[in-house]
Amino acid sequence: MGASDRDVGRVRLTDREREVLDLIAQGRSNGGIAEQLFLSQGAVEKNVAAIFQKLDLPYDAADNRRVLAVLRYLGAGDAG
């Protein structure tokens, strides 16, 4: 995946998804994110799933998608 592909993924995130991803980058759990943003845990999980999809991070047991999402969002090298 090239840099322009990663940029497209970041652009496709909604404002709420960017907020959630920022809190993931701060090390927050889904529960912590839900509490801070006044959302249900289910709403956070839906946002996290959308982030993974939009950043093209399919499930792989060998990878931590939360970390890869943060790296991709920050543009730190090829995260995946």
Protein backbone atom coordinates (compact mmCIF):
# COMPACT_ATOMS: atom_id res chain seq x y z
CA MET A 1 0.00 0.00 0.00
CA GLY A 2 1.49 3.31 -1.07
CA ALA A 3 1.43 6.62 0.78
CA SER A 4 -1.43 7.95 -1.34
CA ASP A 5 -3.53 4.87 -0.43
CA ARG A 6 -2.95 5.57 3.27
CA ASP A 7 -3.89 9.22 2.75
CA VAL A 8 -7.18 8.18 1.13
CA GLY A 9 -7.98 6.00 4.16
CA ARG A 10 -7.29 8.84 6.58
CA VAL A 11 -9.43 11.26 4.55
CA ARG A 12 -12.33 8.80 4.54
CA LEU A 13 -12.54 8.81 8.35
CA THR A 14 -15.40 10.78 9.88
CA ASP A 15 -14.73 13.38 12.55
CA ARG A 16 -15.97 10.91 15.19
CA GLU A 17 -13.71 8.15 13.86
CA ARG A 18 -10.75 10.55 14.04
CA GLU A 19 -11.68 11.34 17.65
CA VAL A 20 -11.83 7.64 18.47
CA LEU A 21 -8.52 6.99 16.71
CA ASP A 22 -6.90 9.87 18.58
CA LEU A 23 -8.00 8.30 21.86
CA ILE A 24 -6.73 4.89 20.71
CA ALA A 25 -3.39 6.61 20.05
CA GLN A 26 -3.48 7.88 23.63
CA GLY A 27 -3.76 4.29 24.81
CA ARG A 28 -7.43 4.35 25.79
CA SER A 29 -9.50 1.17 25.88
CA ASN A 30 -12.90 1.00 24.22
CA GLY A 31 -14.46 1.49 27.65
CA GLY A 32 -12.31 4.56 28.30
CA ILE A 33 -13.19 5.98 24.89
CA ALA A 34 -16.89 5.38 25.51
CA GLU A 35 -16.70 7.17 28.85
CA GLN A 36 -14.78 10.16 27.50
CA LEU A 37 -16.96 10.64 24.41
CA PHE A 38 -20.24 9.79 26.19
CA LEU A 39 -20.91 6.89 23.82
CA SER A 40 -22.04 3.33 24.37
CA GLN A 41 -19.40 0.62 24.19
CA GLY A 42 -21.21 -0.69 21.10
CA ALA A 43 -20.93 2.68 19.37
CA VAL A 44 -17.19 2.74 20.04
CA GLU A 45 -16.83 -0.80 18.69
CA LYS A 46 -18.65 0.23 15.50
CA ASN A 47 -16.35 3.22 15.09
CA VAL A 48 -13.26 1.06 15.65
CA ALA A 49 -14.50 -1.48 13.09
CA ALA A 50 -15.11 1.34 10.58
CA ILE A 51 -11.61 2.68 11.20
CA PHE A 52 -10.09 -0.75 10.52
CA GLN A 53 -12.13 -1.08 7.33
CA LYS A 54 -11.39 2.42 6.02
CA LEU A 55 -7.67 2.05 6.74
CA ASP A 56 -7.68 -1.36 5.03
CA LEU A 57 -6.66 -3.34 8.11
CA PRO A 58 -8.27 -6.79 7.81
CA TYR A 59 -8.15 -9.17 10.75
CA ASP A 60 -4.85 -11.03 11.07
CA ALA A 61 -3.99 -12.90 14.26
CA ALA A 62 -0.35 -11.85 13.84
CA ASP A 63 -1.13 -8.11 13.89
CA ASN A 64 -2.49 -5.63 16.42
CA ARG A 65 -4.89 -3.58 14.32
CA ARG A 66 -5.18 -0.83 16.94
CA VAL A 67 -1.45 -0.16 16.74
CA LEU A 68 -1.44 -0.46 12.93
CA ALA A 69 -4.36 1.98 12.70
CA VAL A 70 -2.50 4.56 14.79
CA LEU A 71 0.67 4.13 12.73
CA ARG A 72 -1.24 4.42 9.48
CA TYR A 73 -3.16 7.47 10.72
CA LEU A 74 0.07 9.16 11.74
CA GLY A 75 1.66 8.23 8.43
CA ALA A 76 4.51 6.38 10.16
CA GLY A 77 5.98 4.19 7.47
CA ASP A 78 4.18 1.27 5.88
CA ALA A 79 1.93 -0.02 8.67
CA GLY A 80 0.68 -3.19 7.14
